[in-house]
Amino acid sequence: MMLLLDFLFSFFLSHLIIIAIPFAVFFLLTYIISPISFFTIVFIIIIYLLIDLIFSGLGLFLAVFAISKENYWRIFSIGFTLLFYASCVIYPFEVFPAEIQPIIQLNPFYHIFDILRITWLEDNLMLTITNYPFQFIILIGTAIIVPLIAIYVFNKVYDKFGIVGY
């Protein structure tokens, strides 16, 4: 189990290194446009690390199915793409029709990216945490649950196929 946690941690660090340069450029440009306090910057970086942990878990989950069952991998990949587009990162929430908005609010990625946006714009940590506790619970819960599910699926699939060495 400890080796598997090392594997997930290395997967997490590799993703972190890959996104570090574009993240730094984007972060600096955004900070120039809309300056915020030092504590908010630290808190936003923590949120970004939690988001990276979530997507590392999703990447491990997809990688297991890419190796074991390619058909499931494609279905999950399409599903995650749809979840991303329904998370209101690209389009504002108000653009979607009123009938679809309750469905979008069921998407955990909507709440995760929304709390990131709200934290930056409000620039008041205590106000943000007290006004939006549901989004923080979803962020922390998803950051805990998704990697654990990915590790569980990884263990089951690799035990099933008898693969050793990781």
Foldseek 3Di string as FASTA:
>chain_A
DVVLVVVLVVLLVVLCVVCVVVVVVVVVVVCVVQPADPVLVVVLVVLVSLVSLLVSLVVLLLVLCVVPPVVVSVVVVVVVVVLVVLLCPPHHLVVDDPVCSVVSVVRLSVLSVVLSVCSRVVNDVVVSCVVPVVSVCSSVVSSPPSNVVSSVSNVVSCVVVVDDDD
